[in-house]
Amino acid sequence: MKKLIQFPFYVVLFSVTLLNPLQATENHEKQVVIQIKEMTCQLCAYLVNKELRDVEGVISTKASIKEHQVKVIAKSDVDNEKLKAAIYKLNYTPEIVSAEN
């Protein structure tokens, strides 16, 4: 009987400790959408993703050749100019469409 009472307690405790860090990290991230008109093929998208993922603090990227955009999830302290500089290395012209914290 004692084990039956302890089990729900541990489930609740485990859930709270797992969810709390997730909420903390969400507040320290931002999403940036960058327009890149020169990104027209899969290789372009691959190279853009690769360059942006090499920027310190970038968590994930998703490039769309259909929309000519890349969505970047990064730590909130990552400077947007660093993201643009990574794209300039590829001789592409980046334009920040939106940036949300």
PDB file of N, CA and C in Angstrom:
ATOM      1  N   MET A   1       0.828  -1.193   0.000  1.00  0.00           N
ATOM      2  CA  MET A   1       0.000   0.000   0.000  1.00  0.00           C
ATOM      3  C   MET A   1       0.873   1.257   0.000  1.00  0.00           C
ATOM      4  N   LYS A   2       1.946   1.205   0.756  1.00  0.00           N
ATOM      5  CA  LYS A   2       2.838   2.346   0.840  1.00  0.00           C
ATOM      6  C   LYS A   2       3.451   2.653  -0.534  1.00  0.00           C
ATOM      7  N   LYS A   3       3.772   1.610  -1.290  1.00  0.00           N
ATOM      8  CA  LYS A   3       4.332   1.804  -2.624  1.00  0.00           C
ATOM      9  C   LYS A   3       3.316   2.434  -3.569  1.00  0.00           C
ATOM     10  N   LEU A   4       2.048   2.086  -3.410  1.00  0.00           N
ATOM     11  CA  LEU A   4       1.009   2.663  -4.253  1.00  0.00           C
ATOM     12  C   LEU A   4       0.853   4.160  -4.006  1.00  0.00           C
ATOM     13  N   ILE A   5       1.068   4.589  -2.792  1.00  0.00           N
ATOM     14  CA  ILE A   5       0.971   6.013  -2.456  1.00  0.00           C
ATOM     15  C   ILE A   5       2.209   6.755  -2.947  1.00  0.00           C
ATOM     16  N   GLN A   6       3.360   6.130  -2.857  1.00  0.00           N
ATOM     17  CA  GLN A   6       4.604   6.776  -3.267  1.00  0.00           C
ATOM     18  C   GLN A   6       4.687   6.955  -4.783  1.00  0.00           C
ATOM     19  N   PHE A   7       4.146   6.027  -5.534  1.00  0.00           N
ATOM     20  CA  PHE A   7       4.264   6.082  -6.990  1.00  0.00           C
ATOM     21  C   PHE A   7       3.698   7.379  -7.582  1.00  0.00           C
ATOM     22  N   PRO A   8       2.454   7.777  -7.253  1.00  0.00           N
ATOM     23  CA  PRO A   8       1.936   9.044  -7.814  1.00  0.00           C
ATOM     24  C   PRO A   8       2.779  10.251  -7.399  1.00  0.00           C
ATOM     25  N   PHE A   9       3.297  10.220  -6.195  1.00  0.00           N
ATOM     26  CA  PHE A   9       4.148  11.310  -5.731  1.00  0.00           C
ATOM     27  C   PHE A   9       5.384  11.439  -6.620  1.00  0.00           C
ATOM     28  N   TYR A  10       6.026  10.334  -6.922  1.00  0.00           N
ATOM     29  CA  TYR A  10       7.224  10.356  -7.756  1.00  0.00           C
ATOM     30  C   TYR A  10       6.904  10.744  -9.202  1.00  0.00           C
ATOM     31  N   VAL A  11       5.750  10.346  -9.679  1.00  0.00           N
ATOM     32  CA  VAL A  11       5.347  10.731 -11.033  1.00  0.00           C
ATOM     33  C   VAL A  11       5.173  12.245 -11.112  1.00  0.00           C
ATOM     34  N   VAL A  12       4.505  12.822 -10.137  1.00  0.00           N
ATOM     35  CA  VAL A  12       4.301  14.272 -10.110  1.00  0.00           C
ATOM     36  C   VAL A  12       5.638  14.990  -9.961  1.00  0.00           C
ATOM     37  N   LEU A  13       6.465  14.532  -9.077  1.00  0.00           N
ATOM     38  CA  LEU A  13       7.778  15.141  -8.864  1.00  0.00           C
ATOM     39  C   LEU A  13       8.616  15.081 -10.135  1.00  0.00           C
ATOM     40  N   PHE A  14       8.619  13.946 -10.782  1.00  0.00           N
ATOM     41  CA  PHE A  14       9.370  13.765 -12.021  1.00  0.00           C
ATOM     42  C   PHE A  14       8.848  14.703 -13.108  1.00  0.00           C
ATOM     43  N   SER A  15       7.537  14.828 -13.223  1.00  0.00           N
ATOM     44  CA  SER A  15       6.930  15.694 -14.239  1.00  0.00           C
ATOM     45  C   SER A  15       7.288  17.157 -14.011  1.00  0.00           C
ATOM     46  N   VAL A  16       7.236  17.592 -12.786  1.00  0.00           N
ATOM     47  CA  VAL A  16       7.542  18.989 -12.464  1.00  0.00           C
ATOM     48  C   VAL A  16       8.999  19.303 -12.771  1.00  0.00           C
ATOM     49  N   THR A  17       9.896  18.413 -12.422  1.00  0.00           N
ATOM     50  CA  THR A  17      11.314  18.678 -12.674  1.00  0.00           C
ATOM     51  C   THR A  17      11.635  18.626 -14.157  1.00  0.00           C
ATOM     52  N   LEU A  18      10.911  17.851 -14.922  1.00  0.00           N
ATOM     53  CA  LEU A  18      11.150  17.806 -16.363  1.00  0.00           C
ATOM     54  C   LEU A  18      10.589  19.025 -17.071  1.00  0.00           C
ATOM     55  N   LEU A  19       9.424  19.470 -16.698  1.00  0.00           N
ATOM     56  CA  LEU A  19       8.779  20.573 -17.395  1.00  0.00           C
ATOM     57  C   LEU A  19       9.374  21.929 -17.047  1.00  0.00           C
ATOM     58  N   ASN A  20       9.834  22.111 -15.863  1.00  0.00           N
ATOM     59  CA  ASN A  20      10.373  23.396 -15.448  1.00  0.00           C
ATOM     60  C   ASN A  20      11.585  23.831 -16.276  1.00  0.00           C
ATOM     61  N   PRO A  21      12.591  22.993 -16.504  1.00  0.00           N
ATOM     62  CA  PRO A  21      13.706  23.428 -17.342  1.00  0.00           C
ATOM     63  C   PRO A  21      13.282  23.747 -18.776  1.00  0.00           C
ATOM     64  N   LEU A  22      12.275  23.067 -19.296  1.00  0.00           N
ATOM     65  CA  LEU A  22      11.813  23.355 -20.648  1.00  0.00           C
ATOM     66  C   LEU A  22      11.236  24.758 -20.735  1.00  0.00           C
ATOM     67  N   GLN A  23      10.505  25.157 -19.726  1.00  0.00           N
ATOM     68  CA  GLN A  23       9.949  26.504 -19.727  1.00  0.00           C
ATOM     69  C   GLN A  23      11.061  27.538 -19.630  1.00  0.00           C
ATOM     70  N   ALA A  24      12.081  27.263 -18.889  1.00  0.00           N
ATOM     71  CA  ALA A  24      13.182  28.208 -18.735  1.00  0.00           C
ATOM     72  C   ALA A  24      13.925  28.389 -20.053  1.00  0.00           C
ATOM     73  N   THR A  25      14.149  27.303 -20.798  1.00  0.00           N
ATOM     74  CA  THR A  25      14.886  27.439 -22.047  1.00  0.00           C
ATOM     75  C   THR A  25      14.059  28.136 -23.118  1.00  0.00           C
ATOM     76  N   GLU A  26      12.747  27.953 -23.099  1.00  0.00           N
ATOM     77  CA  GLU A  26      11.914  28.619 -24.089  1.00  0.00           C
ATOM     78  C   GLU A  26      12.031  30.132 -23.979  1.00  0.00           C
ATOM     79  N   ASN A  27      12.188  30.639 -22.776  1.00  0.00           N
ATOM     80  CA  ASN A  27      12.283  32.076 -22.569  1.00  0.00           C
ATOM     81  C   ASN A  27      13.623  32.639 -23.023  1.00  0.00           C
ATOM     82  N   HIS A  28      14.604  31.787 -23.238  1.00  0.00           N
ATOM     83  CA  HIS A  28      15.937  32.245 -23.614  1.00  0.00           C
ATOM     84  C   HIS A  28      16.238  31.958 -25.080  1.00  0.00           C
ATOM     85  N   GLU A  29      15.204  31.747 -25.868  1.00  0.00           N
ATOM     86  CA  GLU A  29      15.375  31.473 -27.286  1.00  0.00           C
ATOM     87  C   GLU A  29      14.625  32.510 -28.110  1.00  0.00           C
ATOM     88  N   LYS A  30      15.051  32.638 -29.355  1.00  0.00           N
ATOM     89  CA  LYS A  30      14.341  33.518 -30.272  1.00  0.00           C
ATOM     90  C   LYS A  30      14.241  32.841 -31.628  1.00  0.00           C
ATOM     91  N   GLN A  31      13.267  33.285 -32.400  1.00  0.00           N
ATOM     92  CA  GLN A  31      13.115  32.795 -33.771  1.00  0.00           C
ATOM     93  C   GLN A  31      13.346  33.958 -34.717  1.00  0.00           C
ATOM     94  N   VAL A  32      14.210  33.740 -35.697  1.00  0.00           N
ATOM     95  CA  VAL A  32      14.511  34.754 -36.697  1.00  0.00           C
ATOM     96  C   VAL A  32      14.190  34.163 -38.066  1.00  0.00           C
ATOM     97  N   VAL A  33      13.459  34.905 -38.868  1.00  0.00           N
ATOM     98  CA  VAL A  33      13.167  34.490 -40.241  1.00  0.00           C
ATOM     99  C   VAL A  33      13.958  35.408 -41.169  1.00  0.00           C
ATOM    100  N   ILE A  34      14.747  34.782 -42.043  1.00  0.00           N
ATOM    101  CA  ILE A  34      15.621  35.530 -42.946  1.00  0.00           C
ATOM    102  C   ILE A  34      15.243  35.214 -44.388  1.00  0.00           C
ATOM    103  N   GLN A  35      15.033  36.255 -45.167  1.00  0.00           N
ATOM    104  CA  GLN A  35      14.744  36.120 -46.599  1.00  0.00           C
ATOM    105  C   GLN A  35      16.070  36.074 -47.354  1.00  0.00           C
ATOM    106  N   ILE A  36      16.209  35.086 -48.264  1.00  0.00           N
ATOM    107  CA  ILE A  36      17.415  34.957 -49.082  1.00  0.00           C
ATOM    108  C   ILE A  36      16.958  34.677 -50.512  1.00  0.00           C
ATOM    109  N   LYS A  37      16.920  35.713 -51.330  1.00  0.00           N
ATOM    110  CA  LYS A  37      16.389  35.569 -52.688  1.00  0.00           C
ATOM    111  C   LYS A  37      17.238  34.642 -53.549  1.00  0.00           C
ATOM    112  N   GLU A  38      18.541  34.575 -53.290  1.00  0.00           N
ATOM    113  CA  GLU A  38      19.436  33.744 -54.103  1.00  0.00           C
ATOM    114  C   GLU A  38      19.335  32.253 -53.783  1.00  0.00           C
ATOM    115  N   MET A  39      18.627  31.888 -52.739  1.00  0.00           N
ATOM    116  CA  MET A  39      18.505  30.480 -52.339  1.00  0.00           C
ATOM    117  C   MET A  39      17.440  29.816 -53.213  1.00  0.00           C
ATOM    118  N   THR A  40      17.898  29.124 -54.268  1.00  0.00           N
ATOM    119  CA  THR A  40      16.967  28.588 -55.263  1.00  0.00           C
ATOM    120  C   THR A  40      17.042  27.075 -55.446  1.00  0.00           C
ATOM    121  N   CYS A  41      17.983  26.402 -54.800  1.00  0.00           N
ATOM    122  CA  CYS A  41      18.101  24.953 -54.995  1.00  0.00           C
ATOM    123  C   CYS A  41      18.408  24.268 -53.659  1.00  0.00           C
ATOM    124  N   GLN A  42      18.356  22.953 -53.660  1.00  0.00           N
ATOM    125  CA  GLN A  42      18.606  22.183 -52.439  1.00  0.00           C
ATOM    126  C   GLN A  42      20.025  22.393 -51.919  1.00  0.00           C
ATOM    127  N   LEU A  43      20.992  22.518 -52.818  1.00  0.00           N
ATOM    128  CA  LEU A  43      22.367  22.758 -52.379  1.00  0.00           C
ATOM    129  C   LEU A  43      22.464  24.104 -51.669  1.00  0.00           C
ATOM    130  N   CYS A  44      21.785  25.105 -52.208  1.00  0.00           N
ATOM    131  CA  CYS A  44      21.760  26.427 -51.562  1.00  0.00           C
ATOM    132  C   CYS A  44      21.206  26.309 -50.141  1.00  0.00           C
ATOM    133  N   ALA A  45      20.091  25.616 -50.003  1.00  0.00           N
ATOM    134  CA  ALA A  45      19.456  25.452 -48.693  1.00  0.00           C
ATOM    135  C   ALA A  45      20.379  24.702 -47.739  1.00  0.00           C
ATOM    136  N   TYR A  46      21.040  23.669 -48.240  1.00  0.00           N
ATOM    137  CA  TYR A  46      21.975  22.899 -47.414  1.00  0.00           C
ATOM    138  C   TYR A  46      23.102  23.794 -46.914  1.00  0.00           C
ATOM    139  N   LEU A  47      23.679  24.588 -47.819  1.00  0.00           N
ATOM    140  CA  LEU A  47      24.798  25.453 -47.440  1.00  0.00           C
ATOM    141  C   LEU A  47      24.372  26.529 -46.445  1.00  0.00           C
ATOM    142  N   VAL A  48      23.189  27.093 -46.647  1.00  0.00           N
ATOM    143  CA  VAL A  48      22.672  28.103 -45.715  1.00  0.00           C
ATOM    144  C   VAL A  48      22.480  27.483 -44.332  1.00  0.00           C
ATOM    145  N   ASN A  49      21.836  26.318 -44.280  1.00  0.00           N
ATOM    146  CA  ASN A  49      21.650  25.627 -42.999  1.00  0.00           C
ATOM    147  C   ASN A  49      22.992  25.352 -42.335  1.00  0.00           C
ATOM    148  N   LYS A  50      23.946  24.858 -43.098  1.00  0.00           N
ATOM    149  CA  LYS A  50      25.265  24.502 -42.553  1.00  0.00           C
ATOM    150  C   LYS A  50      25.975  25.724 -41.975  1.00  0.00           C
ATOM    151  N   GLU A  51      26.000  26.816 -42.730  1.00  0.00           N
ATOM    152  CA  GLU A  51      26.673  28.030 -42.253  1.00  0.00           C
ATOM    153  C   GLU A  51      26.018  28.575 -40.988  1.00  0.00           C
ATOM    154  N   LEU A  52      24.698  28.613 -40.975  1.00  0.00           N
ATOM    155  CA  LEU A  52      24.000  29.156 -39.810  1.00  0.00           C
ATOM    156  C   LEU A  52      24.173  28.268 -38.585  1.00  0.00           C
ATOM    157  N   ARG A  53      24.196  26.961 -38.773  1.00  0.00           N
ATOM    158  CA  ARG A  53      24.367  26.053 -37.634  1.00  0.00           C
ATOM    159  C   ARG A  53      25.768  26.131 -37.044  1.00  0.00           C
ATOM    160  N   ASP A  54      26.707  26.671 -37.809  1.00  0.00           N
ATOM    161  CA  ASP A  54      28.060  26.860 -37.289  1.00  0.00           C
ATOM    162  C   ASP A  54      28.176  28.099 -36.401  1.00  0.00           C
ATOM    163  N   VAL A  55      27.169  28.965 -36.430  1.00  0.00           N
ATOM    164  CA  VAL A  55      27.175  30.159 -35.575  1.00  0.00           C
ATOM    165  C   VAL A  55      26.892  29.721 -34.143  1.00  0.00           C
ATOM    166  N   GLU A  56      27.748  30.156 -33.229  1.00  0.00           N
ATOM    167  CA  GLU A  56      27.580  29.778 -31.824  1.00  0.00           C
ATOM    168  C   GLU A  56      26.259  30.319 -31.285  1.00  0.00           C
ATOM    169  N   GLY A  57      25.484  29.432 -30.671  1.00  0.00           N
ATOM    170  CA  GLY A  57      24.206  29.819 -30.093  1.00  0.00           C
ATOM    171  C   GLY A  57      23.008  29.459 -30.952  1.00  0.00           C
ATOM    172  N   VAL A  58      23.252  29.048 -32.197  1.00  0.00           N
ATOM    173  CA  VAL A  58      22.148  28.625 -33.062  1.00  0.00           C
ATOM    174  C   VAL A  58      21.745  27.213 -32.668  1.00  0.00           C
ATOM    175  N   ILE A  59      20.464  27.016 -32.432  1.00  0.00           N
ATOM    176  CA  ILE A  59      19.940  25.727 -31.989  1.00  0.00           C
ATOM    177  C   ILE A  59      19.471  24.899 -33.176  1.00  0.00           C
ATOM    178  N   SER A  60      18.726  25.520 -34.087  1.00  0.00           N
ATOM    179  CA  SER A  60      18.253  24.793 -35.265  1.00  0.00           C
ATOM    180  C   SER A  60      17.949  25.770 -36.394  1.00  0.00           C
ATOM    181  N   THR A  61      17.936  25.227 -37.615  1.00  0.00           N
ATOM    182  CA  THR A  61      17.580  26.019 -38.788  1.00  0.00           C
ATOM    183  C   THR A  61      16.709  25.176 -39.708  1.00  0.00           C
ATOM    184  N   LYS A  62      15.888  25.859 -40.498  1.00  0.00           N
ATOM    185  CA  LYS A  62      15.079  25.163 -41.502  1.00  0.00           C
ATOM    186  C   LYS A  62      14.926  26.091 -42.698  1.00  0.00           C
ATOM    187  N   ALA A  63      15.597  25.723 -43.781  1.00  0.00           N
ATOM    188  CA  ALA A  63      15.561  26.533 -44.995  1.00  0.00           C
ATOM    189  C   ALA A  63      14.479  26.019 -45.935  1.00  0.00           C
ATOM    190  N   SER A  64      13.805  26.949 -46.599  1.00  0.00           N
ATOM    191  CA  SER A  64      12.767  26.616 -47.575  1.00  0.00           C
ATOM    192  C   SER A  64      13.111  27.289 -48.901  1.00  0.00           C
ATOM    193  N   ILE A  65      13.402  26.467 -49.922  1.00  0.00           N
ATOM    194  CA  ILE A  65      13.701  27.067 -51.227  1.00  0.00           C
ATOM    195  C   ILE A  65      12.433  27.599 -51.882  1.00  0.00           C
ATOM    196  N   LYS A  66      11.302  27.047 -51.518  1.00  0.00           N
ATOM    197  CA  LYS A  66      10.026  27.515 -52.073  1.00  0.00           C
ATOM    198  C   LYS A  66       9.731  28.950 -51.622  1.00  0.00           C
ATOM    199  N   GLU A  67       9.983  29.226 -50.341  1.00  0.00           N
ATOM    200  CA  GLU A  67       9.718  30.558 -49.786  1.00  0.00           C
ATOM    201  C   GLU A  67      10.943  31.466 -49.829  1.00  0.00           C
ATOM    202  N   HIS A  68      12.109  30.902 -50.172  1.00  0.00           N
ATOM    203  CA  HIS A  68      13.379  31.636 -50.161  1.00  0.00           C
ATOM    204  C   HIS A  68      13.655  32.214 -48.773  1.00  0.00           C
ATOM    205  N   GLN A  69      13.339  31.417 -47.750  1.00  0.00           N
ATOM    206  CA  GLN A  69      13.523  31.851 -46.367  1.00  0.00           C
ATOM    207  C   GLN A  69      14.176  30.754 -45.550  1.00  0.00           C
ATOM    208  N   VAL A  70      14.793  31.181 -44.461  1.00  0.00           N
ATOM    209  CA  VAL A  70      15.303  30.236 -43.475  1.00  0.00           C
ATOM    210  C   VAL A  70      14.800  30.686 -42.109  1.00  0.00           C
ATOM    211  N   LYS A  71      14.305  29.721 -41.332  1.00  0.00           N
ATOM    212  CA  LYS A  71      13.861  29.995 -39.966  1.00  0.00           C
ATOM    213  C   LYS A  71      14.950  29.505 -39.027  1.00  0.00           C
ATOM    214  N   VAL A  72      15.375  30.374 -38.144  1.00  0.00           N
ATOM    215  CA  VAL A  72      16.470  30.078 -37.228  1.00  0.00           C
ATOM    216  C   VAL A  72      15.948  30.148 -35.802  1.00  0.00           C
ATOM    217  N   ILE A  73      16.219  29.108 -35.026  1.00  0.00           N
ATOM    218  CA  ILE A  73      15.972  29.132 -33.585  1.00  0.00           C
ATOM    219  C   ILE A  73      17.345  29.256 -32.937  1.00  0.00           C
ATOM    220  N   ALA A  74      17.507  30.298 -32.133  1.00  0.00           N
ATOM    221  CA  ALA A  74      18.805  30.561 -31.517  1.00  0.00           C
ATOM    222  C   ALA A  74      18.606  31.060 -30.095  1.00  0.00           C
ATOM    223  N   LYS A  75      19.682  31.030 -29.340  1.00  0.00           N
ATOM    224  CA  LYS A  75      19.647  31.629 -28.010  1.00  0.00           C
ATOM    225  C   LYS A  75      19.391  33.118 -28.180  1.00  0.00           C
ATOM    226  N   SER A  76      18.701  33.701 -27.221  1.00  0.00           N
ATOM    227  CA  SER A  76      18.276  35.099 -27.362  1.00  0.00           C
ATOM    228  C   SER A  76      19.439  36.080 -27.440  1.00  0.00           C
ATOM    229  N   ASP A  77      20.622  35.683 -26.974  1.00  0.00           N
ATOM    230  CA  ASP A  77      21.763  36.601 -27.017  1.00  0.00           C
ATOM    231  C   ASP A  77      22.536  36.553 -28.337  1.00  0.00           C
ATOM    232  N   VAL A  78      22.115  35.723 -29.283  1.00  0.00           N
ATOM    233  CA  VAL A  78      22.787  35.663 -30.582  1.00  0.00           C
ATOM    234  C   VAL A  78      22.417  36.911 -31.382  1.00  0.00           C
ATOM    235  N   ASP A  79      23.443  37.616 -31.847  1.00  0.00           N
ATOM    236  CA  ASP A  79      23.239  38.846 -32.608  1.00  0.00           C
ATOM    237  C   ASP A  79      22.774  38.510 -34.028  1.00  0.00           C
ATOM    238  N   ASN A  80      21.742  39.176 -34.483  1.00  0.00           N
ATOM    239  CA  ASN A  80      21.233  38.943 -35.836  1.00  0.00           C
ATOM    240  C   ASN A  80      22.280  39.256 -36.901  1.00  0.00           C
ATOM    241  N   GLU A  81      23.185  40.171 -36.597  1.00  0.00           N
ATOM    242  CA  GLU A  81      24.248  40.505 -37.551  1.00  0.00           C
ATOM    243  C   GLU A  81      25.194  39.319 -37.764  1.00  0.00           C
ATOM    244  N   LYS A  82      25.376  38.484 -36.739  1.00  0.00           N
ATOM    245  CA  LYS A  82      26.195  37.274 -36.899  1.00  0.00           C
ATOM    246  C   LYS A  82      25.511  36.295 -37.849  1.00  0.00           C
ATOM    247  N   LEU A  83      24.198  36.215 -37.758  1.00  0.00           N
ATOM    248  CA  LEU A  83      23.449  35.343 -38.665  1.00  0.00           C
ATOM    249  C   LEU A  83      23.575  35.850 -40.100  1.00  0.00           C
ATOM    250  N   LYS A  84      23.441  37.151 -40.276  1.00  0.00           N
ATOM    251  CA  LYS A  84      23.572  37.733 -41.607  1.00  0.00           C
ATOM    252  C   LYS A  84      24.987  37.549 -42.150  1.00  0.00           C
ATOM    253  N   ALA A  85      25.988  37.687 -41.292  1.00  0.00           N
ATOM    254  CA  ALA A  85      27.381  37.521 -41.720  1.00  0.00           C
ATOM    255  C   ALA A  85      27.637  36.108 -42.232  1.00  0.00           C
ATOM    256  N   ALA A  86      27.028  35.121 -41.591  1.00  0.00           N
ATOM    257  CA  ALA A  86      27.188  33.734 -42.034  1.00  0.00           C
ATOM    258  C   ALA A  86      26.623  33.553 -43.441  1.00  0.00           C
ATOM    259  N   ILE A  87      25.544  34.230 -43.744  1.00  0.00           N
ATOM    260  CA  ILE A  87      24.929  34.120 -45.072  1.00  0.00           C
ATOM    261  C   ILE A  87      25.720  34.924 -46.106  1.00  0.00           C
ATOM    262  N   TYR A  88      26.255  36.074 -45.681  1.00  0.00           N
ATOM    263  CA  TYR A  88      27.096  36.866 -46.589  1.00  0.00           C
ATOM    264  C   TYR A  88      28.310  36.060 -47.050  1.00  0.00           C
ATOM    265  N   LYS A  89      28.801  35.147 -46.196  1.00  0.00           N
ATOM    266  CA  LYS A  89      29.951  34.303 -46.574  1.00  0.00           C
ATOM    267  C   LYS A  89      29.659  33.487 -47.826  1.00  0.00           C
ATOM    268  N   LEU A  90      28.388  33.193 -48.059  1.00  0.00           N
ATOM    269  CA  LEU A  90      27.984  32.414 -49.227  1.00  0.00           C
ATOM    270  C   LEU A  90      27.690  33.307 -50.437  1.00  0.00           C
ATOM    271  N   ASN A  91      27.951  34.598 -50.290  1.00  0.00           N
ATOM    272  CA  ASN A  91      27.646  35.595 -51.320  1.00  0.00           C
ATOM    273  C   ASN A  91      26.147  35.707 -51.602  1.00  0.00           C
ATOM    274  N   TYR A  92      25.341  35.476 -50.572  1.00  0.00           N
ATOM    275  CA  TYR A  92      23.898  35.667 -50.649  1.00  0.00           C
ATOM    276  C   TYR A  92      23.552  36.943 -49.890  1.00  0.00           C
ATOM    277  N   THR A  93      22.402  37.519 -50.206  1.00  0.00           N
ATOM    278  CA  THR A  93      21.963  38.751 -49.556  1.00  0.00           C
ATOM    279  C   THR A  93      20.828  38.442 -48.584  1.00  0.00           C
ATOM    280  N   PRO A  94      21.121  38.471 -47.278  1.00  0.00           N
ATOM    281  CA  PRO A  94      20.080  38.182 -46.285  1.00  0.00           C
ATOM    282  C   PRO A  94      19.287  39.430 -45.909  1.00  0.00           C
ATOM    283  N   GLU A  95      18.013  39.213 -45.642  1.00  0.00           N
ATOM    284  CA  GLU A  95      17.153  40.289 -45.149  1.00  0.00           C
ATOM    285  C   GLU A  95      16.310  39.716 -44.011  1.00  0.00           C
ATOM    286  N   ILE A  96      16.429  40.315 -42.828  1.00  0.00           N
ATOM    287  CA  ILE A  96      15.660  39.856 -41.671  1.00  0.00           C
ATOM    288  C   ILE A  96      14.190  40.213 -41.899  1.00  0.00           C
ATOM    289  N   VAL A  97      13.344  39.191 -41.935  1.00  0.00           N
ATOM    290  CA  VAL A  97      11.911  39.395 -42.127  1.00  0.00           C
ATOM    291  C   VAL A  97      11.229  39.590 -40.780  1.00  0.00           C
ATOM    292  N   SER A  98      11.594  38.749 -39.808  1.00  0.00           N
ATOM    293  CA  SER A  98      11.032  38.885 -38.464  1.00  0.00           C
ATOM    294  C   SER A  98      12.001  38.309 -37.449  1.00  0.00           C
ATOM    295  N   ALA A  99      11.922  38.848 -36.250  1.00  0.00           N
ATOM    296  CA  ALA A  99      12.732  38.364 -35.130  1.00  0.00           C
ATOM    297  C   ALA A  99      11.865  38.444 -33.880  1.00  0.00           C
ATOM    298  N   GLU A 100      11.609  37.278 -33.278  1.00  0.00           N
ATOM    299  CA  GLU A 100      10.750  37.208 -32.093  1.00  0.00           C
ATOM    300  C   GLU A 100      11.493  36.552 -30.951  1.00  0.00           C
ATOM    301  N   ASN A 101      11.352  37.127 -29.759  1.00  0.00           N
ATOM    302  CA  ASN A 101      11.935  36.508 -28.557  1.00  0.00           C
ATOM    303  C   ASN A 101      10.924  35.639 -27.888  1.00  0.00           C
TER     304      ASN A 101
END
